[in-house]
Structure formats: C-alpha cells, structure tokens
Amino acid sequence: MCLLVLFTAGGCTSKKIAIARPAPTDLQKKFELKCRKDYNLNIITRIVGKTFWIYAPTDKPLFDFAAESPSPPDPLKKPAKYDLLYIDGVYKNSSFNFEYDVIPKTKSDLSNEGIRNEGTDYFNKLYNNLFTAITETMLDPKIPIKFVVMAITDIKKGIEARYTFYLEDYRMASVEGIPYDEFSKRVLQESKGSTDYIGDEIGQHLEYNDIYMPDFLAKQMVNRIRFKFTQSDFPPQENYEEAIIGIIADTTRYYHFKDFKEVRTDDIRTKKKMIFTPKQLDYFGEDKPRNKDLKQNSKLIHIIFEDGKTTFKEQ
C-alpha cells in the first residue's frame, strides 16, 4: 500500500490529504515507466478485479473547433426516416432492458455551418501514445486483464474524455482479426465536464470499479443503436424496431454472450413492449445464421400495454 498526497487550500492555510493506493503490480510499473520514459507522461494506474484503469491528467486543452470543408452529397447514402430522441439500456435480473423514443423524421438535418468539434493535436498525440503503450505492454493473452478504462482529463478546465474497451477486442484489431473501424464501434466513449475534475492530479474523482461484461454490452448496444440512427450511411428505413433488436442480437453474437434470460424493449411513445429469448435473437441482425428454416419454429411475443389493458400478440 502506498499513499498519494494531495494539497488543498483553505483560507490562509492548506491541508494535506493522504489517499490510499494499492501497491502497483509489475504490469502497472511497466506501463507507467513506459509512459514516463518514452512519452514524458506522468499517468496513474489502478487495477480493480480484471479492469486496468489509466488516469492521464493534463493542463492542456483536449478539444477545439475547426473548419470543415463542404463535401458533395453521397448518392449511396440513404436519408434518415426516423429521429431517435432517446435511448437507454441496462442489464438487470439476467435481462437486457431497453427503452427508446423514436419519431418519424419531418425535417432534414441542419447545416453545421462548416464547423466541427475535434480533438486538439496534443490530445490526439496523447491518445495515440497511450494506445502505443498498451500495445507494447498488454497484448500478451496471459495478462489477466479483461477491460481497460482510459481517462484523459483537462484538470484546468474540468473536461474529461473517457474510453472503455474490452482488451481482447484491441488484441484482435492489432492483428487484423477485426477491422479497426469495428473496434472503434466497440469502444465506449464518453465526454464529461465537472468542476470536481479541476486540479485533480491523482484521479480522486474517479469511481474505480471492475467492469462487468453484461453492463459493458448494454452500453455498447446503446452506442451502436444511436450510431445507426444518427451517423450511419444506412439508417433504418422501414421497421426501426427490427433494426434495434438486430443490433442487440449482433452484439451478443460478436461476444458469444449467452448468459442472459431475455431482451426486453419498451417503445415509450407507442407503449409497445416486446420480449425476445436468446434463441429468438438468432433470427435478427445483419450477421444472423444463414438458415432458411430458422423462422419456421420461431415466435415473437409482443406485449402491448394500452388503455390499461394488456394484449399479447404472437408473430
């Protein structure tokens, strides 16, 4: 056990707070030394269960605005038919539970006026250096780490970019087992801001925890669904419900994850609720099994709550 020391000012005096930190493992020492020696980065790491946390504080800006050159319309890109106003997903009681609000799209996308928000040159370099350090220290399959959480924090302005990914996904991308674009879709990306981040050189604001695979998958499914509606060249055209359940099915398929009882969806606008068993998910998604006879013995149970009545419909 070692101590991280934090000084805080209070009136005319300052107080010293000692924060306990578990003694670093050989892997932590190797990673921190790599960052410090090769990239002059003073980062802090912590291992909780099988999750490797990286905290990279900086006093330099992470994001900035840049001009964007107009691009001609893509003739292959399909216009969006729906607006995804809200979506959330959690894993609870052995079930994936999703609620969403989708409406028909009535207006075209507004112009961004030639401005986009992007990472600064410093942020991009820092991000790449951290991934290079991960490549050189954690790709050995014998390392007992499943997830990596990387928090890059501007402690001057209180802005944080956080990335969570399954280490095996990165190993596969590194040897071209999966395309890097696919790996990017599997990374959970969050941008947050708080005055609690300001001046935090040791990551005191982070809630260190071990990442649980079903929770990770639920968040990844939400990200993929949001991407499909808002950024994909091929957004849902007719049956948006089928697109949503297809993404959920594909994600469980990518990770060979079967340790769940069911998937529940709730369309909060239409009040339609649906339940799918793991077996029924085989009939959905872009990567569903190619078997013409799959649907012959399948049943989809729609549970619809309307006007205080419950209606069951089988398909």
C-alpha atoms as a PDB file:
ATOM      1  CA  MET A   1       0.000   0.000   0.000  1.00  0.00           C
ATOM      2  CA  CYS A   2       1.299   3.445  -0.902  1.00  0.00           C
ATOM      3  CA  LEU A   3      -0.063   6.957  -0.379  1.00  0.00           C
ATOM      4  CA  LEU A   4      -0.839   9.684  -2.872  1.00  0.00           C
ATOM      5  CA  VAL A   5      -0.629  13.116  -1.297  1.00  0.00           C
ATOM      6  CA  LEU A   6      -2.982  15.940  -2.254  1.00  0.00           C
ATOM      7  CA  PHE A   7      -2.653  19.526  -1.014  1.00  0.00           C
ATOM      8  CA  THR A   8      -5.786  21.660  -0.828  1.00  0.00           C
ATOM      9  CA  ALA A   9      -6.029  25.304   0.089  1.00  0.00           C
ATOM     10  CA  GLY A  10      -8.457  26.527   2.731  1.00  0.00           C
ATOM     11  CA  GLY A  11      -8.368  30.227   3.629  1.00  0.00           C
ATOM     12  CA  CYS A  12      -4.820  31.136   4.644  1.00  0.00           C
ATOM     13  CA  THR A  13      -3.881  27.525   5.357  1.00  0.00           C
ATOM     14  CA  SER A  14      -3.504  24.391   3.342  1.00  0.00           C
ATOM     15  CA  LYS A  15      -4.315  20.860   4.335  1.00  0.00           C
ATOM     16  CA  LYS A  16      -2.773  17.618   3.196  1.00  0.00           C
ATOM     17  CA  ILE A  17      -4.990  14.656   2.362  1.00  0.00           C
ATOM     18  CA  ALA A  18      -3.413  11.206   2.119  1.00  0.00           C
ATOM     19  CA  ILE A  19      -5.245   8.844  -0.246  1.00  0.00           C
ATOM     20  CA  ALA A  20      -4.505   5.144  -0.040  1.00  0.00           C
ATOM     21  CA  ARG A  21      -3.484   3.446  -3.269  1.00  0.00           C
ATOM     22  CA  PRO A  22      -2.742  -0.288  -3.526  1.00  0.00           C
ATOM     23  CA  ALA A  23       0.889  -1.109  -4.201  1.00  0.00           C
ATOM     24  CA  PRO A  24       1.344  -1.177  -8.011  1.00  0.00           C
ATOM     25  CA  THR A  25       1.752  -4.531  -9.728  1.00  0.00           C
ATOM     26  CA  ASP A  26       4.577  -5.352 -12.135  1.00  0.00           C
ATOM     27  CA  LEU A  27       2.217  -4.612 -15.036  1.00  0.00           C
ATOM     28  CA  GLN A  28       1.393  -1.171 -13.625  1.00  0.00           C
ATOM     29  CA  LYS A  29       5.054  -0.391 -13.053  1.00  0.00           C
ATOM     30  CA  LYS A  30       5.914  -1.458 -16.589  1.00  0.00           C
ATOM     31  CA  PHE A  31       3.122   0.608 -18.128  1.00  0.00           C
ATOM     32  CA  GLU A  32       3.794   3.717 -16.036  1.00  0.00           C
ATOM     33  CA  LEU A  33       7.524   3.525 -16.736  1.00  0.00           C
ATOM     34  CA  LYS A  34       6.837   3.188 -20.454  1.00  0.00           C
ATOM     35  CA  CYS A  35       4.643   6.290 -20.436  1.00  0.00           C
ATOM     36  CA  ARG A  36       7.058   8.313 -18.344  1.00  0.00           C
ATOM     37  CA  LYS A  37      10.267   7.290 -20.126  1.00  0.00           C
ATOM     38  CA  ASP A  38       9.075   7.250 -23.748  1.00  0.00           C
ATOM     39  CA  TYR A  39       6.398   9.962 -23.752  1.00  0.00           C
ATOM     40  CA  ASN A  40       7.101  12.061 -20.647  1.00  0.00           C
ATOM     41  CA  LEU A  41       3.642  11.284 -19.315  1.00  0.00           C
ATOM     42  CA  ASN A  42       3.023  11.140 -15.586  1.00  0.00           C
ATOM     43  CA  ILE A  43      -0.010   8.880 -15.518  1.00  0.00           C
ATOM     44  CA  ILE A  44      -1.595   6.962 -12.647  1.00  0.00           C
ATOM     45  CA  THR A  45      -2.915   3.413 -12.937  1.00  0.00           C
ATOM     46  CA  ARG A  46      -5.030   1.157 -10.789  1.00  0.00           C
ATOM     47  CA  ILE A  47      -6.231  -2.426 -11.192  1.00  0.00           C
ATOM     48  CA  VAL A  48      -9.649  -3.378  -9.860  1.00  0.00           C
ATOM     49  CA  GLY A  49     -10.510  -7.017 -10.427  1.00  0.00           C
ATOM     50  CA  LYS A  50      -9.651  -7.541 -14.096  1.00  0.00           C
ATOM     51  CA  THR A  51     -10.040  -3.901 -15.127  1.00  0.00           C
ATOM     52  CA  PHE A  52      -6.977  -1.727 -15.765  1.00  0.00           C
ATOM     53  CA  TRP A  53      -7.615   1.982 -15.085  1.00  0.00           C
ATOM     54  CA  ILE A  54      -5.422   4.696 -16.619  1.00  0.00           C
ATOM     55  CA  TYR A  55      -5.655   8.291 -15.457  1.00  0.00           C
ATOM     56  CA  ALA A  56      -3.857  10.868 -17.629  1.00  0.00           C
ATOM     57  CA  PRO A  57      -4.241  14.409 -16.221  1.00  0.00           C
ATOM     58  CA  THR A  58      -3.119  17.417 -18.270  1.00  0.00           C
ATOM     59  CA  ASP A  59      -3.419  21.192 -18.163  1.00  0.00           C
ATOM     60  CA  LYS A  60      -3.677  21.424 -21.957  1.00  0.00           C
ATOM     61  CA  PRO A  61      -6.987  21.664 -23.902  1.00  0.00           C
ATOM     62  CA  LEU A  62      -8.435  18.420 -25.233  1.00  0.00           C
ATOM     63  CA  PHE A  63     -10.939  19.733 -27.780  1.00  0.00           C
ATOM     64  CA  ASP A  64     -11.221  22.625 -30.193  1.00  0.00           C
ATOM     65  CA  PHE A  65     -13.280  23.823 -33.153  1.00  0.00           C
ATOM     66  CA  ALA A  66     -12.047  23.503 -36.722  1.00  0.00           C
ATOM     67  CA  ALA A  67     -13.316  24.475 -40.149  1.00  0.00           C
ATOM     68  CA  GLU A  68     -14.853  21.707 -42.231  1.00  0.00           C
ATOM     69  CA  SER A  69     -14.709  21.648 -45.999  1.00  0.00           C
ATOM     70  CA  PRO A  70     -18.067  21.052 -47.690  1.00  0.00           C
ATOM     71  CA  SER A  71     -18.391  17.639 -49.251  1.00  0.00           C
ATOM     72  CA  PRO A  72     -20.670  16.645 -52.154  1.00  0.00           C
ATOM     73  CA  PRO A  73     -23.698  14.519 -51.221  1.00  0.00           C
ATOM     74  CA  ASP A  74     -23.112  10.788 -51.292  1.00  0.00           C
ATOM     75  CA  PRO A  75     -25.518   9.224 -53.826  1.00  0.00           C
ATOM     76  CA  LEU A  76     -25.345   5.891 -51.987  1.00  0.00           C
ATOM     77  CA  LYS A  77     -26.262   7.331 -48.601  1.00  0.00           C
ATOM     78  CA  LYS A  78     -29.885   6.855 -47.645  1.00  0.00           C
ATOM     79  CA  PRO A  79     -31.746   9.709 -45.933  1.00  0.00           C
ATOM     80  CA  ALA A  80     -32.845   9.134 -42.354  1.00  0.00           C
ATOM     81  CA  LYS A  81     -36.520   8.322 -41.921  1.00  0.00           C
ATOM     82  CA  TYR A  82     -36.562   8.444 -38.126  1.00  0.00           C
ATOM     83  CA  ASP A  83     -35.266  10.597 -35.298  1.00  0.00           C
ATOM     84  CA  LEU A  84     -34.004   8.770 -32.213  1.00  0.00           C
ATOM     85  CA  LEU A  85     -34.936  11.163 -29.420  1.00  0.00           C
ATOM     86  CA  TYR A  86     -33.912   8.942 -26.511  1.00  0.00           C
ATOM     87  CA  ILE A  87     -32.499   5.525 -25.749  1.00  0.00           C
ATOM     88  CA  ASP A  88     -31.202   3.818 -22.638  1.00  0.00           C
ATOM     89  CA  GLY A  89     -30.185   0.256 -21.908  1.00  0.00           C
ATOM     90  CA  VAL A  90     -29.257  -1.669 -18.761  1.00  0.00           C
ATOM     91  CA  TYR A  91     -28.604  -5.242 -17.722  1.00  0.00           C
ATOM     92  CA  LYS A  92     -30.704  -6.234 -14.726  1.00  0.00           C
ATOM     93  CA  ASN A  93     -32.005  -9.505 -13.289  1.00  0.00           C
ATOM     94  CA  SER A  94     -30.348 -11.524 -16.073  1.00  0.00           C
ATOM     95  CA  SER A  95     -32.128  -9.465 -18.750  1.00  0.00           C
ATOM     96  CA  PHE A  96     -31.161  -6.706 -21.151  1.00  0.00           C
ATOM     97  CA  ASN A  97     -33.692  -3.889 -20.845  1.00  0.00           C
ATOM     98  CA  PHE A  98     -34.005  -1.089 -23.395  1.00  0.00           C
ATOM     99  CA  GLU A  99     -36.349   1.865 -23.661  1.00  0.00           C
ATOM    100  CA  TYR A 100     -36.401   4.304 -26.553  1.00  0.00           C
ATOM    101  CA  ASP A 101     -38.348   7.103 -28.177  1.00  0.00           C
ATOM    102  CA  VAL A 102     -38.417   7.221 -31.981  1.00  0.00           C
ATOM    103  CA  ILE A 103     -40.433   9.556 -34.202  1.00  0.00           C
ATOM    104  CA  PRO A 104     -40.724   9.946 -37.981  1.00  0.00           C
ATOM    105  CA  LYS A 105     -38.212  12.443 -39.305  1.00  0.00           C
ATOM    106  CA  THR A 106     -40.001  15.545 -40.583  1.00  0.00           C
ATOM    107  CA  LYS A 107     -37.070  17.891 -41.209  1.00  0.00           C
ATOM    108  CA  SER A 108     -33.723  17.476 -42.925  1.00  0.00           C
ATOM    109  CA  ASP A 109     -30.500  17.806 -40.972  1.00  0.00           C
ATOM    110  CA  LEU A 110     -29.460  21.348 -40.211  1.00  0.00           C
ATOM    111  CA  SER A 111     -26.216  22.586 -41.709  1.00  0.00           C
ATOM    112  CA  ASN A 112     -23.254  22.606 -39.369  1.00  0.00           C
ATOM    113  CA  GLU A 113     -22.109  25.876 -40.936  1.00  0.00           C
ATOM    114  CA  GLY A 114     -18.710  24.379 -41.756  1.00  0.00           C
ATOM    115  CA  ILE A 115     -17.629  23.911 -38.112  1.00  0.00           C
ATOM    116  CA  ARG A 116     -16.789  20.692 -36.331  1.00  0.00           C
ATOM    117  CA  ASN A 117     -15.549  19.847 -32.855  1.00  0.00           C
ATOM    118  CA  GLU A 118     -12.396  17.734 -32.804  1.00  0.00           C
ATOM    119  CA  GLY A 119      -9.520  16.700 -30.589  1.00  0.00           C
ATOM    120  CA  THR A 120      -6.554  19.049 -30.386  1.00  0.00           C
ATOM    121  CA  ASP A 121      -3.190  17.963 -31.792  1.00  0.00           C
ATOM    122  CA  TYR A 122      -1.963  17.487 -28.215  1.00  0.00           C
ATOM    123  CA  PHE A 123      -4.950  15.293 -27.322  1.00  0.00           C
ATOM    124  CA  ASN A 124      -4.531  13.127 -30.439  1.00  0.00           C
ATOM    125  CA  LYS A 125      -0.838  12.637 -29.679  1.00  0.00           C
ATOM    126  CA  LEU A 126      -1.545  11.770 -26.038  1.00  0.00           C
ATOM    127  CA  TYR A 127      -4.309   9.358 -27.053  1.00  0.00           C
ATOM    128  CA  ASN A 128      -2.065   7.597 -29.581  1.00  0.00           C
ATOM    129  CA  ASN A 129       0.835   7.403 -27.119  1.00  0.00           C
ATOM    130  CA  LEU A 130      -1.349   5.714 -24.518  1.00  0.00           C
ATOM    131  CA  PHE A 131      -2.566   3.153 -27.040  1.00  0.00           C
ATOM    132  CA  THR A 132       1.023   2.525 -28.139  1.00  0.00           C
ATOM    133  CA  ALA A 133       1.961   1.882 -24.502  1.00  0.00           C
ATOM    134  CA  ILE A 134      -0.976  -0.521 -24.203  1.00  0.00           C
ATOM    135  CA  THR A 135       0.172  -2.282 -27.392  1.00  0.00           C
ATOM    136  CA  GLU A 136       3.683  -2.757 -26.008  1.00  0.00           C
ATOM    137  CA  THR A 137       2.670  -3.934 -22.527  1.00  0.00           C
ATOM    138  CA  MET A 138      -0.744  -5.643 -22.595  1.00  0.00           C
ATOM    139  CA  LEU A 139      -1.176  -7.675 -25.776  1.00  0.00           C
ATOM    140  CA  ASP A 140       0.095 -10.889 -24.194  1.00  0.00           C
ATOM    141  CA  PRO A 141      -3.047 -13.079 -23.773  1.00  0.00           C
ATOM    142  CA  LYS A 142      -1.627 -14.380 -20.478  1.00  0.00           C
ATOM    143  CA  ILE A 143      -2.099 -10.968 -18.854  1.00  0.00           C
ATOM    144  CA  PRO A 144      -5.173 -11.311 -16.588  1.00  0.00           C
ATOM    145  CA  ILE A 145      -6.807  -8.064 -17.727  1.00  0.00           C
ATOM    146  CA  LYS A 146     -10.212  -8.019 -19.465  1.00  0.00           C
ATOM    147  CA  PHE A 147     -11.110  -4.335 -19.649  1.00  0.00           C
ATOM    148  CA  VAL A 148      -9.191  -1.072 -19.913  1.00  0.00           C
ATOM    149  CA  VAL A 149     -10.574   2.312 -18.854  1.00  0.00           C
ATOM    150  CA  MET A 150      -8.588   5.307 -20.092  1.00  0.00           C
ATOM    151  CA  ALA A 151      -9.482   8.725 -18.643  1.00  0.00           C
ATOM    152  CA  ILE A 152      -7.766  11.748 -20.213  1.00  0.00           C
ATOM    153  CA  THR A 153      -8.624  14.824 -18.172  1.00  0.00           C
ATOM    154  CA  ASP A 154      -8.050  18.543 -18.673  1.00  0.00           C
ATOM    155  CA  ILE A 155      -7.660  19.467 -14.999  1.00  0.00           C
ATOM    156  CA  LYS A 156      -7.500  23.159 -15.860  1.00  0.00           C
ATOM    157  CA  LYS A 157     -10.951  23.404 -17.471  1.00  0.00           C
ATOM    158  CA  GLY A 158     -12.559  20.313 -15.929  1.00  0.00           C
ATOM    159  CA  ILE A 159     -13.120  18.352 -19.155  1.00  0.00           C
ATOM    160  CA  GLU A 160     -12.638  14.589 -19.448  1.00  0.00           C
ATOM    161  CA  ALA A 161     -12.607  12.098 -22.320  1.00  0.00           C
ATOM    162  CA  ARG A 162     -13.067   8.524 -21.142  1.00  0.00           C
ATOM    163  CA  TYR A 163     -12.651   5.329 -23.163  1.00  0.00           C
ATOM    164  CA  THR A 164     -13.622   1.827 -22.032  1.00  0.00           C
ATOM    165  CA  PHE A 165     -12.836  -1.225 -24.129  1.00  0.00           C
ATOM    166  CA  TYR A 166     -12.534  -4.980 -23.964  1.00  0.00           C
ATOM    167  CA  LEU A 167      -8.833  -5.763 -24.200  1.00  0.00           C
ATOM    168  CA  GLU A 168      -9.394  -8.836 -26.384  1.00  0.00           C
ATOM    169  CA  ASP A 169     -11.101  -6.570 -28.954  1.00  0.00           C
ATOM    170  CA  TYR A 170      -7.948  -4.476 -29.149  1.00  0.00           C
ATOM    171  CA  ARG A 171      -5.775  -7.577 -29.442  1.00  0.00           C
ATOM    172  CA  MET A 172      -7.895  -8.741 -32.376  1.00  0.00           C
ATOM    173  CA  ALA A 173      -7.757  -5.324 -34.054  1.00  0.00           C
ATOM    174  CA  SER A 174      -3.977  -5.247 -33.623  1.00  0.00           C
ATOM    175  CA  VAL A 175      -3.587  -8.436 -35.688  1.00  0.00           C
ATOM    176  CA  GLU A 176      -6.397  -7.517 -38.108  1.00  0.00           C
ATOM    177  CA  GLY A 177      -8.720 -10.086 -36.604  1.00  0.00           C
ATOM    178  CA  ILE A 178     -11.406  -7.405 -36.770  1.00  0.00           C
ATOM    179  CA  PRO A 179     -11.306  -4.134 -38.756  1.00  0.00           C
ATOM    180  CA  TYR A 180     -10.177  -1.122 -36.762  1.00  0.00           C
ATOM    181  CA  ASP A 181     -13.473   0.606 -37.636  1.00  0.00           C
ATOM    182  CA  GLU A 182     -15.283  -2.249 -35.929  1.00  0.00           C
ATOM    183  CA  PHE A 183     -13.025  -1.907 -32.873  1.00  0.00           C
ATOM    184  CA  SER A 184     -13.877   1.812 -32.714  1.00  0.00           C
ATOM    185  CA  LYS A 185     -17.589   0.938 -32.573  1.00  0.00           C
ATOM    186  CA  ARG A 186     -16.905  -1.379 -29.649  1.00  0.00           C
ATOM    187  CA  VAL A 187     -15.171   1.302 -27.574  1.00  0.00           C
ATOM    188  CA  LEU A 188     -17.381   3.144 -25.094  1.00  0.00           C
ATOM    189  CA  GLN A 189     -16.598   6.837 -25.482  1.00  0.00           C
ATOM    190  CA  GLU A 190     -17.741   9.476 -23.026  1.00  0.00           C
ATOM    191  CA  SER A 191     -17.014  13.194 -22.763  1.00  0.00           C
ATOM    192  CA  LYS A 192     -17.817  14.769 -19.425  1.00  0.00           C
ATOM    193  CA  GLY A 193     -17.269  18.014 -17.591  1.00  0.00           C
ATOM    194  CA  SER A 194     -17.251  18.864 -13.888  1.00  0.00           C
ATOM    195  CA  THR A 195     -15.628  21.327 -11.534  1.00  0.00           C
ATOM    196  CA  ASP A 196     -14.627  18.243  -9.486  1.00  0.00           C
ATOM    197  CA  TYR A 197     -12.049  17.469 -12.195  1.00  0.00           C
ATOM    198  CA  ILE A 198     -10.286  20.802 -11.846  1.00  0.00           C
ATOM    199  CA  GLY A 199      -6.921  20.419 -10.136  1.00  0.00           C
ATOM    200  CA  ASP A 200      -7.352  16.666  -9.678  1.00  0.00           C
ATOM    201  CA  GLU A 201      -3.844  15.405 -10.415  1.00  0.00           C
ATOM    202  CA  ILE A 202      -4.344  11.955  -8.901  1.00  0.00           C
ATOM    203  CA  GLY A 203      -7.757  10.866 -10.177  1.00  0.00           C
ATOM    204  CA  GLN A 204      -9.578  11.369  -6.905  1.00  0.00           C
ATOM    205  CA  HIS A 205     -12.911  11.895  -8.713  1.00  0.00           C
ATOM    206  CA  LEU A 206     -12.834   8.515 -10.461  1.00  0.00           C
ATOM    207  CA  GLU A 207     -15.037   5.746  -9.115  1.00  0.00           C
ATOM    208  CA  TYR A 208     -12.768   2.780  -9.697  1.00  0.00           C
ATOM    209  CA  ASN A 209     -14.667  -0.447 -10.309  1.00  0.00           C
ATOM    210  CA  ASP A 210     -14.375  -3.742 -12.132  1.00  0.00           C
ATOM    211  CA  ILE A 211     -16.233  -3.702 -15.459  1.00  0.00           C
ATOM    212  CA  TYR A 212     -18.924  -6.369 -15.775  1.00  0.00           C
ATOM    213  CA  MET A 213     -19.347  -7.796 -19.285  1.00  0.00           C
ATOM    214  CA  PRO A 214     -23.187  -7.561 -19.478  1.00  0.00           C
ATOM    215  CA  ASP A 215     -23.091  -3.904 -18.370  1.00  0.00           C
ATOM    216  CA  PHE A 216     -20.425  -3.201 -20.982  1.00  0.00           C
ATOM    217  CA  LEU A 217     -22.517  -4.896 -23.681  1.00  0.00           C
ATOM    218  CA  ALA A 218     -25.680  -2.974 -22.735  1.00  0.00           C
ATOM    219  CA  LYS A 219     -23.845   0.339 -23.120  1.00  0.00           C
ATOM    220  CA  GLN A 220     -22.236  -0.779 -26.363  1.00  0.00           C
ATOM    221  CA  MET A 221     -25.635  -1.758 -27.762  1.00  0.00           C
ATOM    222  CA  VAL A 222     -26.978   1.712 -26.943  1.00  0.00           C
ATOM    223  CA  ASN A 223     -23.987   3.310 -28.693  1.00  0.00           C
ATOM    224  CA  ARG A 224     -24.434   1.120 -31.779  1.00  0.00           C
ATOM    225  CA  ILE A 225     -28.151   1.876 -31.992  1.00  0.00           C
ATOM    226  CA  ARG A 226     -27.506   5.604 -31.639  1.00  0.00           C
ATOM    227  CA  PHE A 227     -24.833   5.388 -34.363  1.00  0.00           C
ATOM    228  CA  LYS A 228     -27.237   3.527 -36.669  1.00  0.00           C
ATOM    229  CA  PHE A 229     -29.865   6.253 -36.400  1.00  0.00           C
ATOM    230  CA  THR A 230     -27.626   9.334 -36.400  1.00  0.00           C
ATOM    231  CA  GLN A 231     -24.373   8.590 -38.255  1.00  0.00           C
ATOM    232  CA  SER A 232     -24.764   5.516 -40.431  1.00  0.00           C
ATOM    233  CA  ASP A 233     -24.981   5.804 -44.207  1.00  0.00           C
ATOM    234  CA  PHE A 234     -27.783   3.262 -43.966  1.00  0.00           C
ATOM    235  CA  PRO A 235     -30.157   4.341 -41.163  1.00  0.00           C
ATOM    236  CA  PRO A 236     -33.354   2.362 -40.507  1.00  0.00           C
ATOM    237  CA  GLN A 237     -35.782   2.768 -43.404  1.00  0.00           C
ATOM    238  CA  GLU A 238     -38.932   0.813 -42.596  1.00  0.00           C
ATOM    239  CA  ASN A 239     -39.019  -1.260 -39.414  1.00  0.00           C
ATOM    240  CA  TYR A 240     -36.886   0.584 -36.869  1.00  0.00           C
ATOM    241  CA  GLU A 241     -37.828  -1.940 -34.163  1.00  0.00           C
ATOM    242  CA  GLU A 242     -36.249  -4.734 -36.204  1.00  0.00           C
ATOM    243  CA  ALA A 243     -33.114  -2.608 -36.684  1.00  0.00           C
ATOM    244  CA  ILE A 244     -32.830  -2.100 -32.915  1.00  0.00           C
ATOM    245  CA  ILE A 245     -33.277  -5.755 -31.994  1.00  0.00           C
ATOM    246  CA  GLY A 246     -30.916  -6.712 -34.838  1.00  0.00           C
ATOM    247  CA  ILE A 247     -28.123  -4.609 -33.348  1.00  0.00           C
ATOM    248  CA  ILE A 248     -28.734  -6.157 -29.921  1.00  0.00           C
ATOM    249  CA  ALA A 249     -28.644  -9.652 -31.429  1.00  0.00           C
ATOM    250  CA  ASP A 250     -25.450  -8.981 -33.405  1.00  0.00           C
ATOM    251  CA  THR A 251     -23.663  -7.588 -30.350  1.00  0.00           C
ATOM    252  CA  THR A 252     -24.380 -10.671 -28.245  1.00  0.00           C
ATOM    253  CA  ARG A 253     -23.215 -12.727 -31.237  1.00  0.00           C
ATOM    254  CA  TYR A 254     -19.905 -10.863 -31.584  1.00  0.00           C
ATOM    255  CA  TYR A 255     -19.027 -11.654 -27.968  1.00  0.00           C
ATOM    256  CA  HIS A 256     -20.544 -15.166 -27.897  1.00  0.00           C
ATOM    257  CA  PHE A 257     -22.503 -13.967 -24.885  1.00  0.00           C
ATOM    258  CA  LYS A 258     -25.377 -16.248 -23.896  1.00  0.00           C
ATOM    259  CA  ASP A 259     -25.560 -15.747 -20.148  1.00  0.00           C
ATOM    260  CA  PHE A 260     -28.890 -13.911 -20.145  1.00  0.00           C
ATOM    261  CA  LYS A 261     -32.553 -14.842 -19.912  1.00  0.00           C
ATOM    262  CA  GLU A 262     -34.174 -12.392 -22.318  1.00  0.00           C
ATOM    263  CA  VAL A 263     -34.159  -8.992 -24.009  1.00  0.00           C
ATOM    264  CA  ARG A 264     -36.953  -6.552 -23.182  1.00  0.00           C
ATOM    265  CA  THR A 265     -37.700  -3.482 -25.282  1.00  0.00           C
ATOM    266  CA  ASP A 266     -40.044  -0.618 -24.459  1.00  0.00           C
ATOM    267  CA  ASP A 267     -41.111   1.926 -27.069  1.00  0.00           C
ATOM    268  CA  ILE A 268     -42.193   4.689 -24.696  1.00  0.00           C
ATOM    269  CA  ARG A 269     -44.097   6.584 -27.414  1.00  0.00           C
ATOM    270  CA  THR A 270     -46.191   3.731 -28.817  1.00  0.00           C
ATOM    271  CA  LYS A 271     -46.324   1.876 -25.456  1.00  0.00           C
ATOM    272  CA  LYS A 272     -45.266  -1.309 -27.230  1.00  0.00           C
ATOM    273  CA  LYS A 273     -43.189  -3.708 -25.141  1.00  0.00           C
ATOM    274  CA  MET A 274     -41.521  -6.783 -26.601  1.00  0.00           C
ATOM    275  CA  ILE A 275     -39.667  -9.757 -25.156  1.00  0.00           C
ATOM    276  CA  PHE A 276     -37.090 -11.870 -27.001  1.00  0.00           C
ATOM    277  CA  THR A 277     -35.384 -15.029 -25.789  1.00  0.00           C
ATOM    278  CA  PRO A 278     -31.756 -15.721 -26.726  1.00  0.00           C
ATOM    279  CA  LYS A 279     -32.971 -18.341 -29.214  1.00  0.00           C
ATOM    280  CA  GLN A 280     -35.276 -15.840 -30.921  1.00  0.00           C
ATOM    281  CA  LEU A 281     -32.372 -13.428 -31.390  1.00  0.00           C
ATOM    282  CA  ASP A 282     -30.947 -15.902 -33.902  1.00  0.00           C
ATOM    283  CA  TYR A 283     -33.462 -14.597 -36.438  1.00  0.00           C
ATOM    284  CA  PHE A 284     -32.330 -10.988 -36.289  1.00  0.00           C
ATOM    285  CA  GLY A 285     -29.307  -8.927 -37.230  1.00  0.00           C
ATOM    286  CA  GLU A 286     -27.016  -8.464 -40.187  1.00  0.00           C
ATOM    287  CA  ASP A 287     -24.899 -11.420 -39.057  1.00  0.00           C
ATOM    288  CA  LYS A 288     -27.712 -13.826 -38.223  1.00  0.00           C
ATOM    289  CA  PRO A 289     -27.201 -17.515 -39.070  1.00  0.00           C
ATOM    290  CA  ARG A 290     -27.971 -18.298 -42.696  1.00  0.00           C
ATOM    291  CA  ASN A 291     -30.671 -20.871 -42.365  1.00  0.00           C
ATOM    292  CA  LYS A 292     -33.852 -20.576 -44.419  1.00  0.00           C
ATOM    293  CA  ASP A 293     -35.759 -22.718 -41.953  1.00  0.00           C
ATOM    294  CA  LEU A 294     -34.922 -20.624 -38.884  1.00  0.00           C
ATOM    295  CA  LYS A 295     -38.212 -18.758 -38.732  1.00  0.00           C
ATOM    296  CA  GLN A 296     -40.482 -21.775 -39.155  1.00  0.00           C
ATOM    297  CA  ASN A 297     -40.471 -22.628 -35.468  1.00  0.00           C
ATOM    298  CA  SER A 298     -39.974 -19.146 -34.043  1.00  0.00           C
ATOM    299  CA  LYS A 299     -42.443 -16.983 -32.181  1.00  0.00           C
ATOM    300  CA  LEU A 300     -42.050 -13.319 -31.293  1.00  0.00           C
ATOM    301  CA  ILE A 301     -44.143 -12.286 -28.322  1.00  0.00           C
ATOM    302  CA  HIS A 302     -45.332  -8.678 -28.394  1.00  0.00           C
ATOM    303  CA  ILE A 303     -46.683  -7.405 -25.085  1.00  0.00           C
ATOM    304  CA  ILE A 304     -48.619  -4.197 -25.628  1.00  0.00           C
ATOM    305  CA  PHE A 305     -49.934  -2.063 -22.767  1.00  0.00           C
ATOM    306  CA  GLU A 306     -52.653   0.313 -23.925  1.00  0.00           C
ATOM    307  CA  ASP A 307     -55.646   1.931 -22.196  1.00  0.00           C
ATOM    308  CA  GLY A 308     -54.977  -0.079 -19.075  1.00  0.00           C
ATOM    309  CA  LYS A 309     -55.205  -3.375 -20.951  1.00  0.00           C
ATOM    310  CA  THR A 310     -52.521  -5.926 -21.732  1.00  0.00           C
ATOM    311  CA  THR A 311     -52.547  -7.554 -25.162  1.00  0.00           C
ATOM    312  CA  PHE A 312     -50.317 -10.455 -26.241  1.00  0.00           C
ATOM    313  CA  LYS A 313     -49.571 -10.939 -29.915  1.00  0.00           C
ATOM    314  CA  GLU A 314     -47.560 -13.746 -31.421  1.00  0.00           C
ATOM    315  CA  GLN A 315     -45.697 -13.425 -34.726  1.00  0.00           C
END
